[in-house]
């Protein structure tokens, strides 16, 4: 199988746990490697690849590299730092529709993470998605659901989360499918549907374990610590959460102390 196809399958297909990843042959391959490595919590490797891309001539791919770096910072809790990378991504997008929308959605997520809900909503409204994009509508649904939850509108959040689940199924990315389940579990929790939330989260946790998606496994364990699961005991869920956090540290991730 060609290197690009292997990396695409790891980044946006059904093999998100592949490791080691093959050497990249093109700058686009480098970005795919970074996306795939980040999904496994291998932030040291991922950010090194993104740093390589950011040194290239400014353009669409360099913008995407900044947006991707920002998403990794958010996953680690660094929303304030992520804002700078997303702002740079927007400046470098050069009117490329995908890169522009990616940066705006990222900025909306950054604003949401620091409690600037009105700004987050405005940025989401500005994110005009390319008609041929399969990935960005899913990201838009995730952040829209998270914003609705933050504003206390659980019903709207559940609607956005279900849309993300449906879109991810059509997209064919295992990572996007599981992340959509994470968002759905949180949204169901926000409206008090705890039994459904537990079921979705327990199923997604098992998928993360099978597919090697450590950051998402950590996020699910954090949710289940609060609501209790049906598959693992509270002690087991705490151990899963802490083990995932330690794995991320060993792989180069630095958690925010906020």
Protein backbone atom coordinates (compact mmCIF):
# COMPACT_ATOMS: atom_id res chain seq x y z
CA UNK A 1 0.00 0.00 0.00
CA UNK A 2 1.40 3.48 -0.86
CA UNK A 3 2.67 5.53 2.07
CA UNK A 4 0.00 8.22 1.61
CA UNK A 5 -2.78 5.64 1.68
CA UNK A 6 -1.38 4.10 4.89
CA UNK A 7 -1.18 7.50 6.55
CA UNK A 8 -4.66 8.52 5.38
CA UNK A 9 -6.03 5.30 6.85
CA UNK A 10 -4.32 6.05 10.16
CA UNK A 11 -5.40 9.71 10.25
CA UNK A 12 -8.90 9.52 8.80
CA UNK A 13 -9.70 5.85 8.23
CA UNK A 14 -10.18 2.63 10.15
CA UNK A 15 -6.59 2.11 11.39
CA UNK A 16 -6.05 4.94 13.90
CA UNK A 17 -3.86 2.83 16.18
CA UNK A 18 -1.16 2.00 13.64
CA UNK A 19 2.32 2.42 15.08
CA UNK A 20 5.01 2.94 14.02
CA UNK A 21 3.86 5.15 11.19
CA UNK A 22 5.81 5.10 7.92
CA UNK A 23 8.13 7.93 6.96
CA UNK A 24 6.40 10.73 5.09
CA UNK A 25 7.11 11.21 1.39
CA UNK A 26 5.47 14.63 0.96
CA UNK A 27 4.50 17.60 3.17
CA UNK A 28 0.88 16.40 3.05
CA UNK A 29 2.08 13.04 4.38
CA UNK A 30 3.79 14.86 7.24
CA UNK A 31 0.47 16.45 8.21
CA UNK A 32 -1.29 13.08 8.04
CA UNK A 33 1.41 11.58 10.27
CA UNK A 34 0.91 14.35 12.80
CA UNK A 35 -2.87 13.91 12.83
CA UNK A 36 -2.55 10.15 13.30
CA UNK A 37 0.10 10.43 16.03
CA UNK A 38 -1.90 13.04 17.91
CA UNK A 39 -4.95 10.78 17.90
CA UNK A 40 -2.86 8.21 19.77
CA UNK A 41 -1.64 10.79 22.28
CA UNK A 42 1.85 10.77 20.78
CA UNK A 43 2.08 14.54 21.03
CA UNK A 44 5.86 14.71 20.97
CA UNK A 45 6.00 13.05 17.56
CA UNK A 46 2.98 14.91 16.25
CA UNK A 47 4.18 18.36 17.26
CA UNK A 48 7.64 17.72 15.84
CA UNK A 49 6.07 16.95 12.46
CA UNK A 50 3.88 20.04 12.69
CA UNK A 51 6.89 22.19 13.53
CA UNK A 52 8.54 20.93 10.34
CA UNK A 53 5.48 21.95 8.32
CA UNK A 54 5.28 25.40 9.89
CA UNK A 55 8.75 26.17 8.54
CA UNK A 56 7.57 25.72 4.94
CA UNK A 57 6.47 28.48 2.60
CA UNK A 58 3.18 29.93 3.93
CA UNK A 59 0.07 28.40 2.40
CA UNK A 60 -2.87 26.09 3.00
CA UNK A 61 -0.87 23.24 4.51
CA UNK A 62 1.03 25.53 6.86
CA UNK A 63 -2.32 26.96 8.00
CA UNK A 64 -3.64 23.46 8.66
CA UNK A 65 -0.46 22.66 10.61
CA UNK A 66 -1.17 25.61 12.92
CA UNK A 67 -4.81 24.57 13.34
CA UNK A 68 -3.80 21.01 14.14
CA UNK A 69 -1.23 22.15 16.69
CA UNK A 70 -3.94 24.27 18.31
CA UNK A 71 -6.27 21.28 18.53
CA UNK A 72 -3.59 19.28 20.36
CA UNK A 73 -3.06 22.15 22.81
CA UNK A 74 -6.81 22.20 23.52
CA UNK A 75 -6.82 18.47 24.14
CA UNK A 76 -4.19 19.09 26.80
CA UNK A 77 -6.14 21.99 28.31
CA UNK A 78 -4.11 24.89 26.86
CA UNK A 79 -6.97 26.91 25.31
CA UNK A 80 -5.19 30.24 25.81
CA UNK A 81 -2.12 29.02 23.93
CA UNK A 82 -4.23 27.40 21.22
CA UNK A 83 -5.79 30.75 20.35
CA UNK A 84 -2.46 32.08 19.08
CA UNK A 85 -1.95 29.12 16.76
CA UNK A 86 -5.52 29.30 15.43
CA UNK A 87 -5.18 33.02 14.85
CA UNK A 88 -2.00 32.41 12.88
CA UNK A 89 -3.76 29.64 10.95
CA UNK A 90 -6.49 32.08 9.94
CA UNK A 91 -3.93 34.67 8.83
CA UNK A 92 -2.12 32.05 6.71
CA UNK A 93 -5.24 30.53 5.15
CA UNK A 94 -5.05 32.91 2.17
CA UNK A 95 -8.78 32.53 1.47
CA UNK A 96 -8.50 28.74 1.16
CA UNK A 97 -12.02 27.64 2.20
CA UNK A 98 -10.97 24.54 4.14
CA UNK A 99 -8.11 26.18 6.00
CA UNK A 100 -10.21 29.27 6.78
CA UNK A 101 -13.11 27.24 8.17
CA UNK A 102 -10.74 25.00 10.14
CA UNK A 103 -9.15 28.04 11.77
CA UNK A 104 -12.49 29.69 12.59
CA UNK A 105 -13.87 26.51 14.18
CA UNK A 106 -10.67 26.23 16.17
CA UNK A 107 -10.94 29.83 17.36
CA UNK A 108 -14.54 29.14 18.37
CA UNK A 109 -13.37 26.17 20.44
CA UNK A 110 -10.65 28.31 22.02
CA UNK A 111 -13.17 31.00 22.97
CA UNK A 112 -15.53 28.39 24.38
CA UNK A 113 -12.75 26.94 26.50
CA UNK A 114 -12.16 30.26 28.26
CA UNK A 115 -15.85 31.09 28.74
CA UNK A 116 -16.31 33.55 25.86
CA UNK A 117 -19.54 31.99 24.64
CA UNK A 118 -20.83 34.89 22.53
CA UNK A 119 -17.51 35.13 20.69
CA UNK A 120 -17.54 31.39 20.13
CA UNK A 121 -21.01 31.56 18.57
CA UNK A 122 -19.99 34.43 16.27
CA UNK A 123 -16.95 32.51 15.06
CA UNK A 124 -19.02 29.40 14.34
CA UNK A 125 -21.42 31.56 12.30
CA UNK A 126 -18.48 32.85 10.26
CA UNK A 127 -17.21 29.36 9.44
CA UNK A 128 -18.46 28.79 5.89
CA UNK A 129 -17.84 25.14 5.08
CA UNK A 130 -16.68 24.04 1.62
CA UNK A 131 -19.34 21.99 -0.11
CA UNK A 132 -16.94 19.11 -0.70
CA UNK A 133 -15.74 18.82 2.92
CA UNK A 134 -16.62 15.68 4.89
CA UNK A 135 -14.44 16.43 7.92
CA UNK A 136 -15.33 20.02 8.78
CA UNK A 137 -19.10 19.57 9.24
CA UNK A 138 -18.26 17.02 11.95
CA UNK A 139 -15.92 19.45 13.71
CA UNK A 140 -18.58 22.17 13.47
CA UNK A 141 -21.15 19.85 15.04
CA UNK A 142 -18.78 18.96 17.89
CA UNK A 143 -18.05 22.55 18.85
CA UNK A 144 -21.70 23.55 18.39
CA UNK A 145 -22.71 20.79 20.80
CA UNK A 146 -20.04 21.79 23.31
CA UNK A 147 -21.13 25.43 23.14
CA UNK A 148 -24.78 24.48 23.68
CA UNK A 149 -23.78 22.40 26.72
CA UNK A 150 -21.75 25.28 28.13
CA UNK A 151 -24.77 27.56 27.74
CA UNK A 152 -27.04 25.08 29.50
CA UNK A 153 -29.00 24.12 26.38
CA UNK A 154 -28.71 20.35 26.57
CA UNK A 155 -31.47 19.64 24.07
CA UNK A 156 -29.71 21.60 21.35
CA UNK A 157 -26.43 19.94 22.31
CA UNK A 158 -27.93 16.48 21.85
CA UNK A 159 -29.18 17.47 18.41
CA UNK A 160 -25.74 18.66 17.31
CA UNK A 161 -24.12 15.55 18.79
CA UNK A 162 -26.46 13.23 16.91
CA UNK A 163 -25.67 15.14 13.72
CA UNK A 164 -21.96 14.59 14.35
CA UNK A 165 -22.55 10.85 14.86
CA UNK A 166 -24.43 10.60 11.55
CA UNK A 167 -21.85 12.64 9.64
CA UNK A 168 -18.96 10.65 11.09
CA UNK A 169 -20.56 7.39 10.04
CA UNK A 170 -20.66 8.65 6.45
CA UNK A 171 -17.10 10.01 6.66
CA UNK A 172 -15.62 6.62 7.55
CA UNK A 173 -13.07 7.78 10.12
CA UNK A 174 -12.93 5.60 13.23
CA UNK A 175 -11.47 8.47 15.25
CA UNK A 176 -14.20 10.90 14.22
CA UNK A 177 -16.85 8.27 14.92
CA UNK A 178 -15.59 7.69 18.45
CA UNK A 179 -15.08 11.40 19.18
CA UNK A 180 -18.68 11.97 18.10
CA UNK A 181 -19.77 9.32 20.60
CA UNK A 182 -17.78 11.14 23.29
CA UNK A 183 -19.64 14.36 22.51
CA UNK A 184 -22.97 12.52 22.44
CA UNK A 185 -22.31 10.90 25.84
CA UNK A 186 -21.54 14.31 27.34
CA UNK A 187 -24.63 15.86 25.74
CA UNK A 188 -26.90 13.09 27.03
CA UNK A 189 -25.41 13.58 30.48
CA UNK A 190 -26.21 17.29 30.27
CA UNK A 191 -29.94 16.56 29.85
CA UNK A 192 -30.00 13.97 32.62
CA UNK A 193 -30.19 10.89 30.38
CA UNK A 194 -27.56 9.13 32.44
CA UNK A 195 -28.35 5.55 31.47
CA UNK A 196 -28.02 6.36 27.77
CA UNK A 197 -24.91 8.43 28.44
CA UNK A 198 -23.27 5.54 30.33
CA UNK A 199 -24.07 3.09 27.53
CA UNK A 200 -22.62 5.36 24.84
CA UNK A 201 -19.53 6.13 26.94
CA UNK A 202 -18.89 2.50 27.90
CA UNK A 203 -19.10 1.39 24.26
CA UNK A 204 -16.83 4.22 23.12
CA UNK A 205 -14.32 3.44 25.90
CA UNK A 206 -13.98 -0.12 24.63
CA UNK A 207 -13.51 1.18 21.07
CA UNK A 208 -10.75 3.53 22.25
CA UNK A 209 -8.95 0.67 23.96
CA UNK A 210 -9.18 -1.46 20.83
CA UNK A 211 -8.10 1.33 18.48
CA UNK A 212 -5.34 2.91 20.60
CA UNK A 213 -6.94 6.33 20.96
CA UNK A 214 -5.53 7.35 24.33
CA UNK A 215 -6.73 11.00 24.54
CA UNK A 216 -10.33 10.04 23.82
CA UNK A 217 -10.09 7.15 26.29
CA UNK A 218 -8.93 9.64 28.92
CA UNK A 219 -11.87 11.97 28.16
CA UNK A 220 -14.37 9.13 28.44
CA UNK A 221 -12.86 7.94 31.70
CA UNK A 222 -13.18 11.49 33.07
CA UNK A 223 -16.89 11.46 32.19
CA UNK A 224 -17.47 8.01 33.67
CA UNK A 225 -15.71 8.99 36.90
CA UNK A 226 -18.54 11.47 37.36
CA UNK A 227 -21.55 9.38 36.34
CA UNK A 228 -20.39 5.81 36.90
CA UNK A 229 -20.16 3.12 34.25
CA UNK A 230 -21.79 -0.25 33.75
CA UNK A 231 -18.72 -2.14 32.54
CA UNK A 232 -15.99 -0.95 34.93
CA UNK A 233 -16.05 -0.17 38.63
CA UNK A 234 -15.29 3.34 39.89
CA UNK A 235 -11.82 2.18 40.94
CA UNK A 236 -11.16 0.73 37.48
CA UNK A 237 -12.34 3.89 35.72
CA UNK A 238 -10.07 6.03 37.89
CA UNK A 239 -7.17 3.73 37.06
CA UNK A 240 -7.95 4.01 33.32
CA UNK A 241 -8.06 7.81 33.55
CA UNK A 242 -4.77 8.03 35.40
CA UNK A 243 -3.04 5.50 33.15
CA UNK A 244 -4.11 7.43 30.04
CA UNK A 245 -2.85 10.69 31.54
CA UNK A 246 0.50 9.08 32.33
CA UNK A 247 0.74 7.58 28.83
CA UNK A 248 0.18 11.02 27.31
CA UNK A 249 2.98 12.44 29.48
CA UNK A 250 5.37 9.70 28.43
CA UNK A 251 4.53 10.41 24.80
CA UNK A 252 5.41 14.09 25.05
CA UNK A 253 2.15 15.68 26.11
CA UNK A 254 2.18 18.40 28.78
CA UNK A 255 -1.10 18.78 30.62
CA UNK A 256 -2.31 22.25 31.54
CA UNK A 257 -2.33 22.99 35.27
CA UNK A 258 -5.53 25.04 34.97
